[in-house]
């Protein structure tokens, strides 16, 4: 394992390439206004609804809103380290990694975008003869390292008593894993939508994150904010959370509108977007401030415990040196203004 200093240098060495390779939306930029920089990913969530409907732009007219697309949570972490973004959509496993040494990224969890269900899964390619996780020994399995899918893959292998060292795990982003799948270079892939549905067309699902959540290894997509930004602009964080909550309400109460917005952002049909939305779990505003999730002002919820469990698992798998103490993770839950912010 690299030393903390060497790892940080390695991360920072690639940050320019990582950020420059992302899709940035500069539309409507006004050089006279400060800019809020948001990292998003192309998976079905309220974040895409907010972007598509320009709700943040409408709610914060005195700011530019710059949306930058990233392929994985690892890339989002890299951008936070480089201080390139203020808000980000990122999975719980990379958040647990980001809050642990050696990264120790100064950000906080301020929202739960979704709880992974059937929208993230491990699929074996047809023709490989693989019908269970236990049969992955000696096989080539692709996943995006430091992502929720990577965490879930390791959890699935542990559940099946298959040592990770007995599997040839390859680091590939979703689109690259699809290309490797089509070439026959990999036997299985653990990934998320929309790539997941393309794999399912010629593969068999071995296990989904929904099943792992039931077994005590849930994964989530979270909204995080840079600690320095939250301290300087708590009013902006409040507005951002209200708008994200509005998107969750839209998913529940107006699924056709939600699907249409997400379809436009992902370049798929409304029907496909609706199907993908049906595979995830989306909390209500009331859920968000319960002890199970974010909690309330001064009393962080069990989301911190979930992150602690993920960090400890990553440490046990030698993915990080050690898990941070629970109080460190509790401080990383941004509860200021809760639950009142959602009722204003």
Protein backbone atom coordinates (compact mmCIF):
# COMPACT_ATOMS: atom_id res chain seq x y z
CA UNK A 1 0.00 0.00 0.00
CA UNK A 2 1.31 3.48 -0.83
CA UNK A 3 2.22 5.80 2.02
CA UNK A 4 -0.32 8.57 2.77
CA UNK A 5 1.95 11.24 1.27
CA UNK A 6 2.69 9.25 -1.87
CA UNK A 7 -0.98 8.41 -2.32
CA UNK A 8 -2.01 12.04 -2.02
CA UNK A 9 0.68 13.07 -4.50
CA UNK A 10 -0.50 10.38 -6.88
CA UNK A 11 -4.07 11.57 -6.56
CA UNK A 12 -3.15 15.20 -7.11
CA UNK A 13 -0.94 14.29 -10.05
CA UNK A 14 -3.95 13.04 -12.00
CA UNK A 15 -6.47 15.62 -10.87
CA UNK A 16 -5.98 17.93 -13.82
CA UNK A 17 -6.55 15.08 -16.26
CA UNK A 18 -9.55 13.84 -14.26
CA UNK A 19 -11.26 17.21 -14.13
CA UNK A 20 -10.39 18.25 -17.68
CA UNK A 21 -11.88 15.01 -18.97
CA UNK A 22 -15.26 15.76 -17.45
CA UNK A 23 -18.25 17.33 -19.15
CA UNK A 24 -18.79 20.86 -17.84
CA UNK A 25 -21.94 22.88 -18.40
CA UNK A 26 -20.95 26.56 -18.69
CA UNK A 27 -24.32 27.70 -20.03
CA UNK A 28 -25.60 30.98 -18.68
CA UNK A 29 -22.33 31.92 -16.92
CA UNK A 30 -22.04 35.53 -15.77
CA UNK A 31 -18.52 36.60 -14.83
CA UNK A 32 -19.88 39.23 -12.43
CA UNK A 33 -21.43 36.57 -10.14
CA UNK A 34 -19.79 33.97 -7.87
CA UNK A 35 -19.98 30.38 -9.08
CA UNK A 36 -21.28 27.29 -7.27
CA UNK A 37 -19.53 24.20 -8.65
CA UNK A 38 -21.51 20.96 -8.62
CA UNK A 39 -20.27 17.46 -9.48
CA UNK A 40 -22.97 15.12 -10.80
CA UNK A 41 -23.07 11.58 -12.11
CA UNK A 42 -25.26 10.07 -14.80
CA UNK A 43 -27.35 7.73 -12.68
CA UNK A 44 -31.11 8.14 -12.07
CA UNK A 45 -31.57 10.47 -9.10
CA UNK A 46 -33.18 13.71 -8.09
CA UNK A 47 -29.89 15.45 -8.87
CA UNK A 48 -30.55 15.05 -12.60
CA UNK A 49 -34.06 16.44 -12.18
CA UNK A 50 -32.67 19.52 -10.43
CA UNK A 51 -30.15 20.03 -13.23
CA UNK A 52 -32.63 19.48 -16.05
CA UNK A 53 -35.29 21.78 -14.64
CA UNK A 54 -32.81 24.54 -13.68
CA UNK A 55 -34.29 24.75 -10.20
CA UNK A 56 -31.04 25.82 -8.56
CA UNK A 57 -30.48 28.52 -11.15
CA UNK A 58 -33.98 29.83 -10.44
CA UNK A 59 -33.58 29.62 -6.65
CA UNK A 60 -30.10 31.21 -6.57
CA UNK A 61 -30.18 33.96 -9.22
CA UNK A 62 -27.18 35.75 -7.70
CA UNK A 63 -24.89 32.80 -8.46
CA UNK A 64 -23.62 30.99 -11.51
CA UNK A 65 -24.31 27.25 -11.28
CA UNK A 66 -21.63 25.13 -12.96
CA UNK A 67 -22.47 21.43 -13.40
CA UNK A 68 -19.59 19.04 -14.09
CA UNK A 69 -20.18 15.40 -14.98
CA UNK A 70 -18.01 12.70 -13.38
CA UNK A 71 -17.86 8.97 -14.06
CA UNK A 72 -17.36 7.71 -10.50
CA UNK A 73 -17.07 8.61 -6.85
CA UNK A 74 -13.29 8.22 -6.97
CA UNK A 75 -13.15 11.01 -9.54
CA UNK A 76 -15.43 13.18 -7.41
CA UNK A 77 -13.12 12.65 -4.44
CA UNK A 78 -10.16 13.70 -6.58
CA UNK A 79 -11.93 16.91 -7.55
CA UNK A 80 -12.73 17.70 -3.90
CA UNK A 81 -9.08 17.18 -2.99
CA UNK A 82 -8.13 19.66 -5.72
CA UNK A 83 -10.80 22.11 -4.45
CA UNK A 84 -12.46 22.09 -7.86
CA UNK A 85 -16.04 21.56 -6.62
CA UNK A 86 -18.37 22.66 -3.82
CA UNK A 87 -21.14 20.03 -3.97
CA UNK A 88 -21.02 16.48 -5.26
CA UNK A 89 -23.15 13.39 -5.90
CA UNK A 90 -21.14 10.41 -4.68
CA UNK A 91 -21.63 6.90 -3.34
CA UNK A 92 -21.33 6.00 0.33
CA UNK A 93 -18.28 3.77 -0.15
CA UNK A 94 -16.14 6.51 -1.73
CA UNK A 95 -17.41 8.89 0.96
CA UNK A 96 -16.26 6.45 3.65
CA UNK A 97 -12.92 6.26 1.89
CA UNK A 98 -12.75 10.04 1.48
CA UNK A 99 -13.38 10.63 5.18
CA UNK A 100 -10.66 8.13 6.12
CA UNK A 101 -6.88 8.53 6.14
CA UNK A 102 -4.90 9.21 4.05
CA UNK A 103 -7.42 11.28 2.06
CA UNK A 104 -9.24 12.95 5.00
CA UNK A 105 -11.30 15.05 2.61
CA UNK A 106 -12.92 18.04 4.34
CA UNK A 107 -16.51 17.54 3.22
CA UNK A 108 -19.81 16.67 4.89
CA UNK A 109 -22.84 14.60 3.96
CA UNK A 110 -25.86 16.88 3.63
CA UNK A 111 -28.32 14.72 1.66
CA UNK A 112 -29.27 11.15 0.73
CA UNK A 113 -30.00 10.96 -3.00
CA UNK A 114 -31.03 7.30 -3.04
CA UNK A 115 -30.54 3.91 -1.44
CA UNK A 116 -29.11 1.32 -3.82
CA UNK A 117 -31.48 -1.49 -4.74
CA UNK A 118 -31.64 -3.38 -8.01
CA UNK A 119 -30.03 -0.39 -9.74
CA UNK A 120 -26.55 -1.69 -8.84
CA UNK A 121 -25.66 -5.34 -9.34
CA UNK A 122 -23.13 -8.02 -10.24
CA UNK A 123 -23.77 -9.59 -13.65
CA UNK A 124 -22.02 -12.58 -15.25
CA UNK A 125 -21.68 -12.70 -19.04
CA UNK A 126 -23.68 -15.35 -20.87
CA UNK A 127 -21.50 -18.23 -22.00
CA UNK A 128 -19.13 -18.10 -19.04
CA UNK A 129 -21.03 -20.80 -17.14
CA UNK A 130 -21.00 -18.63 -14.01
CA UNK A 131 -24.23 -18.99 -12.04
CA UNK A 132 -23.20 -17.85 -8.55
CA UNK A 133 -20.79 -15.54 -6.76
CA UNK A 134 -18.91 -18.60 -5.48
CA UNK A 135 -18.02 -19.49 -9.08
CA UNK A 136 -16.04 -16.28 -9.58
CA UNK A 137 -12.79 -17.83 -8.32
CA UNK A 138 -10.13 -17.37 -10.98
CA UNK A 139 -12.43 -15.23 -13.11
CA UNK A 140 -11.97 -11.69 -14.43
CA UNK A 141 -14.41 -9.29 -12.78
CA UNK A 142 -14.57 -5.58 -13.59
CA UNK A 143 -15.73 -2.77 -11.34
CA UNK A 144 -14.87 0.88 -10.74
CA UNK A 145 -12.38 0.91 -7.87
CA UNK A 146 -13.32 2.99 -4.79
CA UNK A 147 -16.98 3.05 -5.86
CA UNK A 148 -20.07 1.66 -4.15
CA UNK A 149 -19.99 -1.16 -6.73
CA UNK A 150 -16.44 -2.06 -5.67
CA UNK A 151 -17.50 -2.09 -2.02
CA UNK A 152 -20.52 -4.24 -2.88
CA UNK A 153 -18.40 -6.63 -4.95
CA UNK A 154 -16.04 -7.17 -2.01
CA UNK A 155 -19.03 -7.64 0.30
CA UNK A 156 -20.57 -10.19 -2.08
CA UNK A 157 -17.32 -12.14 -2.28
CA UNK A 158 -16.95 -12.12 1.52
CA UNK A 159 -20.53 -13.32 1.89
CA UNK A 160 -19.78 -16.21 -0.49
CA UNK A 161 -16.49 -17.04 1.34
CA UNK A 162 -14.47 -16.19 -1.75
CA UNK A 163 -11.20 -14.37 -0.90
CA UNK A 164 -10.82 -11.26 -3.06
CA UNK A 165 -7.28 -12.37 -3.92
CA UNK A 166 -8.76 -15.43 -5.63
CA UNK A 167 -10.58 -13.23 -8.14
CA UNK A 168 -8.94 -11.14 -10.86
CA UNK A 169 -10.62 -7.81 -10.06
CA UNK A 170 -10.05 -5.19 -12.76
CA UNK A 171 -10.51 -1.43 -12.32
CA UNK A 172 -12.80 -0.20 -15.11
CA UNK A 173 -15.28 2.65 -15.27
CA UNK A 174 -18.83 1.68 -16.39
CA UNK A 175 -18.43 2.43 -20.10
CA UNK A 176 -15.02 0.79 -20.23
CA UNK A 177 -16.39 -2.29 -18.49
CA UNK A 178 -19.16 -2.51 -21.10
CA UNK A 179 -16.59 -2.39 -23.90
CA UNK A 180 -14.52 -5.11 -22.19
CA UNK A 181 -17.70 -7.17 -21.77
CA UNK A 182 -18.52 -6.89 -25.47
CA UNK A 183 -14.99 -8.02 -26.38
CA UNK A 184 -15.23 -10.98 -24.00
CA UNK A 185 -12.32 -9.65 -21.91
CA UNK A 186 -14.20 -9.94 -18.61
CA UNK A 187 -16.42 -12.63 -17.17
CA UNK A 188 -18.52 -10.46 -14.86
CA UNK A 189 -19.07 -6.82 -13.93
CA UNK A 190 -20.39 -5.09 -10.80
CA UNK A 191 -21.75 -1.70 -11.84
CA UNK A 192 -24.78 0.59 -11.83
CA UNK A 193 -27.37 2.04 -14.19
CA UNK A 194 -27.51 2.82 -17.06
CA UNK A 195 -24.59 0.51 -17.98
CA UNK A 196 -26.08 -2.23 -15.82
CA UNK A 197 -29.17 -2.64 -17.99
CA UNK A 198 -27.00 -3.03 -21.09
CA UNK A 199 -25.07 -5.83 -19.40
CA UNK A 200 -28.24 -7.55 -18.27
CA UNK A 201 -29.29 -7.94 -21.91
CA UNK A 202 -26.53 -10.54 -22.41
CA UNK A 203 -25.84 -11.62 -18.85
CA UNK A 204 -27.19 -13.06 -15.64
CA UNK A 205 -27.57 -11.14 -12.38
CA UNK A 206 -25.73 -12.94 -9.58
CA UNK A 207 -26.56 -10.53 -6.77
CA UNK A 208 -27.88 -6.97 -6.42
CA UNK A 209 -27.03 -4.33 -3.86
CA UNK A 210 -30.56 -4.64 -2.53
CA UNK A 211 -29.74 -8.16 -1.31
CA UNK A 212 -26.48 -7.00 0.25
CA UNK A 213 -28.33 -4.20 2.03
CA UNK A 214 -30.65 -6.78 3.57
CA UNK A 215 -27.54 -8.66 4.71
CA UNK A 216 -26.21 -5.54 6.46
CA UNK A 217 -24.08 -3.95 3.72
CA UNK A 218 -26.25 -1.15 2.29
CA UNK A 219 -24.89 1.35 -0.21
CA UNK A 220 -26.21 4.84 -0.83
CA UNK A 221 -25.78 7.76 -3.18
CA UNK A 222 -25.12 10.87 -1.15
CA UNK A 223 -24.97 14.61 -1.62
CA UNK A 224 -21.87 16.10 -0.02
CA UNK A 225 -20.66 19.66 0.43
CA UNK A 226 -17.17 21.03 1.07
CA UNK A 227 -16.92 21.90 4.77
CA UNK A 228 -15.42 25.31 4.03
CA UNK A 229 -18.24 26.14 1.61
CA UNK A 230 -20.92 25.06 4.09
CA UNK A 231 -19.37 27.21 6.81
CA UNK A 232 -19.22 30.26 4.54
CA UNK A 233 -22.60 29.77 2.80
CA UNK A 234 -25.06 27.90 5.05
CA UNK A 235 -27.94 29.68 3.30
CA UNK A 236 -26.87 28.19 -0.04
CA UNK A 237 -26.66 24.73 1.50
CA UNK A 238 -30.19 25.16 2.87
CA UNK A 239 -31.47 26.15 -0.57
CA UNK A 240 -29.65 23.28 -2.27
CA UNK A 241 -31.18 20.77 0.18
CA UNK A 242 -34.68 22.18 -0.30
CA UNK A 243 -34.31 21.84 -4.07
CA UNK A 244 -32.98 18.27 -3.80
CA UNK A 245 -35.91 17.45 -1.49
CA UNK A 246 -38.27 18.89 -4.12
CA UNK A 247 -36.79 16.45 -6.62
CA UNK A 248 -37.41 13.51 -4.27
CA UNK A 249 -41.02 14.63 -3.94
CA UNK A 250 -41.29 14.80 -7.73
CA UNK A 251 -40.03 11.23 -8.07
CA UNK A 252 -42.73 10.08 -5.66
CA UNK A 253 -45.67 12.27 -6.69
CA UNK A 254 -45.04 12.94 -10.38
CA UNK A 255 -43.01 9.99 -11.72
CA UNK A 256 -43.72 10.86 -15.35
CA UNK A 257 -42.20 14.33 -14.97
CA UNK A 258 -39.26 12.87 -13.05
CA UNK A 259 -38.65 10.23 -15.71
CA UNK A 260 -38.85 12.78 -18.52
CA UNK A 261 -36.23 15.02 -16.89
CA UNK A 262 -33.90 12.12 -16.17
CA UNK A 263 -34.35 10.70 -19.68
CA UNK A 264 -33.32 14.03 -21.17
CA UNK A 265 -30.17 14.14 -19.04
CA UNK A 266 -29.18 10.52 -19.66
CA UNK A 267 -30.11 10.37 -23.34
CA UNK A 268 -32.59 7.51 -22.91
CA UNK A 269 -36.34 7.10 -23.40
CA UNK A 270 -38.87 8.12 -20.77
CA UNK A 271 -39.87 4.48 -20.42
CA UNK A 272 -36.28 3.42 -19.74
CA UNK A 273 -35.86 6.22 -17.22
CA UNK A 274 -39.05 5.21 -15.44
CA UNK A 275 -37.85 1.60 -15.31
CA UNK A 276 -34.49 2.64 -13.89
CA UNK A 277 -36.14 4.83 -11.25
CA UNK A 278 -38.24 1.86 -10.17
CA UNK A 279 -35.06 -0.06 -9.30
CA UNK A 280 -33.85 2.40 -6.65
CA UNK A 281 -35.18 3.48 -3.25
CA UNK A 282 -35.86 7.18 -2.74
CA UNK A 283 -36.48 8.55 0.73
CA UNK A 284 -39.13 11.06 1.71
CA UNK A 285 -38.32 14.37 3.35
CA UNK A 286 -39.62 12.93 6.62
CA UNK A 287 -37.30 9.92 6.25
CA UNK A 288 -34.23 12.11 5.80
CA UNK A 289 -34.35 13.60 9.29
CA UNK A 290 -35.07 10.37 11.18
CA UNK A 291 -32.39 8.77 13.38
CA UNK A 292 -31.87 6.18 10.61
CA UNK A 293 -30.54 8.73 8.12
CA UNK A 294 -29.28 12.31 8.57
CA UNK A 295 -30.85 12.96 11.96
CA UNK A 296 -31.49 16.47 13.26
CA UNK A 297 -29.43 19.49 14.26
CA UNK A 298 -26.91 18.40 16.88
CA UNK A 299 -27.93 14.73 16.68
CA UNK A 300 -26.43 13.02 13.62
CA UNK A 301 -28.32 9.93 12.51
CA UNK A 302 -27.20 6.37 11.91
CA UNK A 303 -25.90 7.32 8.49
CA UNK A 304 -22.64 7.89 10.38
CA UNK A 305 -22.81 4.29 11.62
CA UNK A 306 -23.37 3.11 8.04
CA UNK A 307 -20.27 5.01 6.92
CA UNK A 308 -18.31 3.59 9.86
CA UNK A 309 -19.33 0.07 8.85
CA UNK A 310 -18.27 0.73 5.25
CA UNK A 311 -14.94 2.21 6.36
CA UNK A 312 -14.23 -0.72 8.66
CA UNK A 313 -15.03 -3.16 5.88
CA UNK A 314 -12.67 -1.30 3.55
CA UNK A 315 -9.98 -1.40 6.23
CA UNK A 316 -10.52 -5.14 6.73
CA UNK A 317 -10.12 -5.57 2.97
CA UNK A 318 -6.91 -3.47 3.12
CA UNK A 319 -8.43 -0.82 0.88
CA UNK A 320 -7.63 1.88 3.48
CA UNK A 321 -5.17 1.83 6.42
CA UNK A 322 -7.85 2.08 9.11
CA UNK A 323 -11.41 3.24 9.74
CA UNK A 324 -11.96 6.64 11.40
CA UNK A 325 -13.59 6.86 14.81
CA UNK A 326 -17.38 7.11 14.85
CA UNK A 327 -17.32 10.66 16.23
CA UNK A 328 -15.27 11.77 13.21
CA UNK A 329 -17.98 10.43 10.91
CA UNK A 330 -20.76 11.93 13.02
CA UNK A 331 -19.13 15.34 12.60
CA UNK A 332 -19.14 14.69 8.87
CA UNK A 333 -22.96 14.62 8.80
CA UNK A 334 -24.19 18.15 8.10
CA UNK A 335 -27.27 18.51 10.30
CA UNK A 336 -27.40 22.28 10.65
CA UNK A 337 -30.98 23.53 10.26
CA UNK A 338 -32.58 20.08 10.28
CA UNK A 339 -35.45 19.32 10.24
CA UNK A 340 -36.69 22.89 9.88
CA UNK A 341 -34.98 23.54 6.56
CA UNK A 342 -37.36 21.12 4.83
CA UNK A 343 -40.49 22.79 6.18
CA UNK A 344 -39.59 26.38 5.28
